Amino acid sequence: MCVDNVESPQPMRVTYDIGRRGPLYGGSSGKTLLAFLDPVDLDRLLPTLELHRNTNQTITDTEELRRELDFIRRRGYAVSYGELDAGVYAVGAPIFNSLGRLEAGVTLVGPGSRWTEERLSRYVEETLTVARRISERLGYRPVDERDNIEPTGSGGEAGRLFDTRAGKEE
């Protein structure tokens, strides 16, 4: 569910109303939430999802979705190219709480016509930076590589996510 948004100053923009709900299996918002769920919870939830096609880019096969979620978790963010709405591209990143558990996600969306490869790289970096800052405000602290402590329910990958993906602020 969209809980907040910031409008783009561009004349052509994508807007999602606060309160709008979307499926967990499609788009970068939903796939971010699924990918960073506790693996036990994901294994319980995934078989219950009915995967409906929204566009020709929507994943409708459970095993393909599982592979995509594994890739998102390893990479640290989700990207969507028109999975829910044709021509709408997005990048999403997880937000973690003080216990290192998934709390929410943040997503940047826009018209596909503006998503060049150069801009995608910048959009990913900016989305990860915002997610990290929100997570830190919730008390999340990235795991230091020298520690043997991993965030609860993250499988370890999420704990190193922000240091390696968005660049560590000094």
Protein backbone atom coordinates (compact mmCIF):
# COMPACT_ATOMS: atom_id res chain seq x y z
CA MET A 1 0.00 0.00 0.00
CA CYS A 2 1.24 3.48 -0.82
CA VAL A 3 1.55 5.36 2.49
CA ASP A 4 3.15 8.56 1.22
CA ASN A 5 4.42 10.16 -1.97
CA VAL A 6 6.41 13.08 -3.26
CA GLU A 7 5.21 14.58 -6.52
CA SER A 8 7.68 15.07 -9.35
CA PRO A 9 8.05 18.59 -10.71
CA GLN A 10 8.10 17.15 -14.25
CA PRO A 11 5.04 17.91 -16.41
CA MET A 12 4.78 14.22 -17.37
CA ARG A 13 4.86 12.09 -14.22
CA VAL A 14 3.54 8.96 -12.58
CA THR A 15 1.36 9.43 -9.52
CA TYR A 16 0.07 6.78 -7.14
CA ASP A 17 -2.57 7.85 -4.67
CA ILE A 18 -1.93 7.34 -0.97
CA GLY A 19 -3.78 4.21 0.05
CA ARG A 20 -3.44 2.54 -3.37
CA ARG A 21 -2.77 -1.14 -2.99
CA GLY A 22 -0.78 -3.27 -5.38
CA PRO A 23 0.04 -6.95 -5.60
CA LEU A 24 3.12 -8.25 -3.80
CA TYR A 25 4.30 -10.23 -6.83
CA GLY A 26 4.47 -7.36 -9.30
CA GLY A 27 6.29 -4.08 -9.43
CA SER A 28 9.32 -3.04 -7.45
CA SER A 29 7.39 -2.14 -4.28
CA GLY A 30 5.78 -5.53 -3.83
CA LYS A 31 8.80 -7.52 -4.96
CA THR A 32 11.00 -5.57 -2.53
CA LEU A 33 8.71 -6.54 0.34
CA LEU A 34 8.61 -10.19 -0.71
CA ALA A 35 12.34 -10.47 -1.37
CA PHE A 36 13.35 -9.19 2.05
CA LEU A 37 10.75 -11.07 4.09
CA ASP A 38 12.02 -13.64 6.52
CA PRO A 39 12.58 -16.75 4.33
CA VAL A 40 10.21 -18.85 6.46
CA ASP A 41 7.44 -16.27 6.02
CA LEU A 42 8.15 -16.09 2.28
CA ASP A 43 7.92 -19.88 1.94
CA ARG A 44 4.53 -19.77 3.69
CA LEU A 45 3.19 -16.82 1.69
CA LEU A 46 4.39 -17.55 -1.85
CA PRO A 47 2.18 -20.60 -2.53
CA THR A 48 -0.92 -18.61 -1.50
CA LEU A 49 -0.42 -15.82 -4.05
CA GLU A 50 -2.56 -15.84 -7.18
CA LEU A 51 -0.31 -14.38 -9.87
CA HIS A 52 -2.48 -12.40 -12.28
CA ARG A 53 -1.09 -10.76 -15.40
CA ASN A 54 -1.33 -6.97 -15.29
CA THR A 55 0.86 -6.39 -18.36
CA ASN A 56 2.97 -8.63 -20.57
CA GLN A 57 5.88 -7.95 -18.16
CA THR A 58 4.15 -9.39 -15.08
CA ILE A 59 5.64 -12.60 -13.70
CA THR A 60 2.89 -15.21 -13.40
CA ASP A 61 4.96 -18.32 -12.62
CA THR A 62 5.75 -18.98 -8.95
CA GLU A 63 9.18 -20.52 -9.61
CA GLU A 64 10.19 -17.64 -11.89
CA LEU A 65 9.05 -15.21 -9.20
CA ARG A 66 11.08 -17.08 -6.57
CA ARG A 67 14.20 -16.82 -8.77
CA GLU A 68 13.55 -13.09 -9.26
CA LEU A 69 13.15 -12.57 -5.51
CA ASP A 70 16.42 -14.40 -4.81
CA PHE A 71 18.15 -12.14 -7.33
CA ILE A 72 16.62 -9.01 -5.78
CA ARG A 73 17.75 -10.07 -2.32
CA ARG A 74 21.32 -10.68 -3.52
CA ARG A 75 21.42 -7.43 -5.53
CA GLY A 76 19.79 -5.38 -2.77
CA TYR A 77 17.00 -3.71 -4.74
CA ALA A 78 14.15 -4.43 -7.15
CA VAL A 79 13.56 -2.98 -10.60
CA SER A 80 10.29 -3.06 -12.51
CA TYR A 81 9.81 -2.31 -16.19
CA GLY A 82 6.07 -1.94 -16.69
CA GLU A 83 4.96 -4.94 -14.60
CA LEU A 84 1.88 -3.27 -13.12
CA ASP A 85 1.29 -0.35 -15.45
CA ALA A 86 2.62 -0.31 -19.01
CA GLY A 87 5.31 2.30 -19.51
CA VAL A 88 5.93 2.81 -15.78
CA TYR A 89 9.40 1.91 -14.54
CA ALA A 90 10.47 1.74 -10.91
CA VAL A 91 13.23 0.86 -8.48
CA GLY A 92 12.53 -0.20 -4.89
CA ALA A 93 14.66 -0.78 -1.80
CA PRO A 94 13.94 -2.23 1.64
CA ILE A 95 13.64 -0.31 4.88
CA PHE A 96 14.80 -2.12 8.03
CA ASN A 97 13.98 -1.46 11.68
CA SER A 98 16.28 -1.42 14.70
CA LEU A 99 16.20 -5.23 14.87
CA GLY A 100 17.30 -5.54 11.24
CA ARG A 101 13.86 -6.76 10.18
CA LEU A 102 12.02 -5.59 7.10
CA GLU A 103 9.75 -2.69 8.03
CA ALA A 104 8.71 -1.24 4.65
CA GLY A 105 10.07 -0.27 1.27
CA VAL A 106 10.70 2.89 -0.68
CA THR A 107 10.13 3.12 -4.43
CA LEU A 108 10.99 5.63 -7.12
CA VAL A 109 8.66 5.48 -10.14
CA GLY A 110 8.48 7.33 -13.41
CA PRO A 111 7.66 7.15 -17.08
CA GLY A 112 9.83 4.61 -18.88
CA SER A 113 10.79 7.22 -21.47
CA ARG A 114 13.10 8.88 -18.91
CA TRP A 115 14.81 5.70 -17.69
CA THR A 116 18.09 5.62 -19.58
CA GLU A 117 20.84 3.28 -18.35
CA GLU A 118 22.73 6.26 -16.92
CA ARG A 119 19.66 7.50 -15.07
CA LEU A 120 18.80 4.02 -13.81
CA SER A 121 22.16 3.85 -12.08
CA ARG A 122 21.49 7.20 -10.41
CA TYR A 123 17.91 6.21 -9.51
CA VAL A 124 19.15 3.01 -7.87
CA GLU A 125 21.80 4.88 -5.89
CA GLU A 126 19.34 7.55 -4.76
CA THR A 127 16.66 5.02 -3.80
CA LEU A 128 19.14 2.97 -1.77
CA THR A 129 20.40 6.11 -0.05
CA VAL A 130 16.87 7.16 0.96
CA ALA A 131 16.07 3.63 2.18
CA ARG A 132 19.27 3.57 4.24
CA ARG A 133 18.52 6.97 5.79
CA ILE A 134 14.98 5.97 6.74
CA SER A 135 16.26 2.68 8.14
CA GLU A 136 18.84 4.50 10.23
CA ARG A 137 16.12 6.81 11.60
CA LEU A 138 14.27 3.67 12.68
CA GLY A 139 17.39 2.57 14.56
CA TYR A 140 18.84 0.20 11.97
CA ARG A 141 22.61 -0.08 11.95
CA PRO A 142 24.36 -1.93 9.12
CA VAL A 143 26.40 -4.90 10.20
CA ASP A 144 30.13 -4.28 10.22
CA GLU A 145 31.85 -6.90 8.06
CA ARG A 146 34.20 -7.65 10.97
CA ASP A 147 31.31 -8.59 13.25
CA ASN A 148 29.76 -12.03 13.28
CA ILE A 149 26.34 -10.54 14.02
CA GLU A 150 23.67 -10.53 11.32
CA PRO A 151 20.28 -8.79 11.40
CA THR A 152 17.44 -11.05 12.51
CA GLY A 153 15.47 -12.51 9.63
CA SER A 154 17.63 -10.97 6.93
CA GLY A 155 19.68 -13.96 5.92
CA GLY A 156 22.75 -11.72 6.30
CA GLU A 157 22.50 -10.11 2.86
CA ALA A 158 20.42 -7.17 4.02
CA GLY A 159 22.87 -6.30 6.77
CA ARG A 160 25.60 -5.58 4.25
CA LEU A 161 23.26 -4.08 1.66
CA PHE A 162 23.67 -0.40 2.32
CA ASP A 163 27.43 -0.39 2.80
CA THR A 164 28.07 -2.17 -0.49
CA ARG A 165 25.28 -0.85 -2.71
CA ALA A 166 24.68 2.81 -1.94
CA GLY A 167 28.12 3.78 -0.74
CA LYS A 168 28.98 4.32 2.89
CA GLU A 169 28.67 7.87 4.13
CA GLU A 170 31.74 9.05 5.97
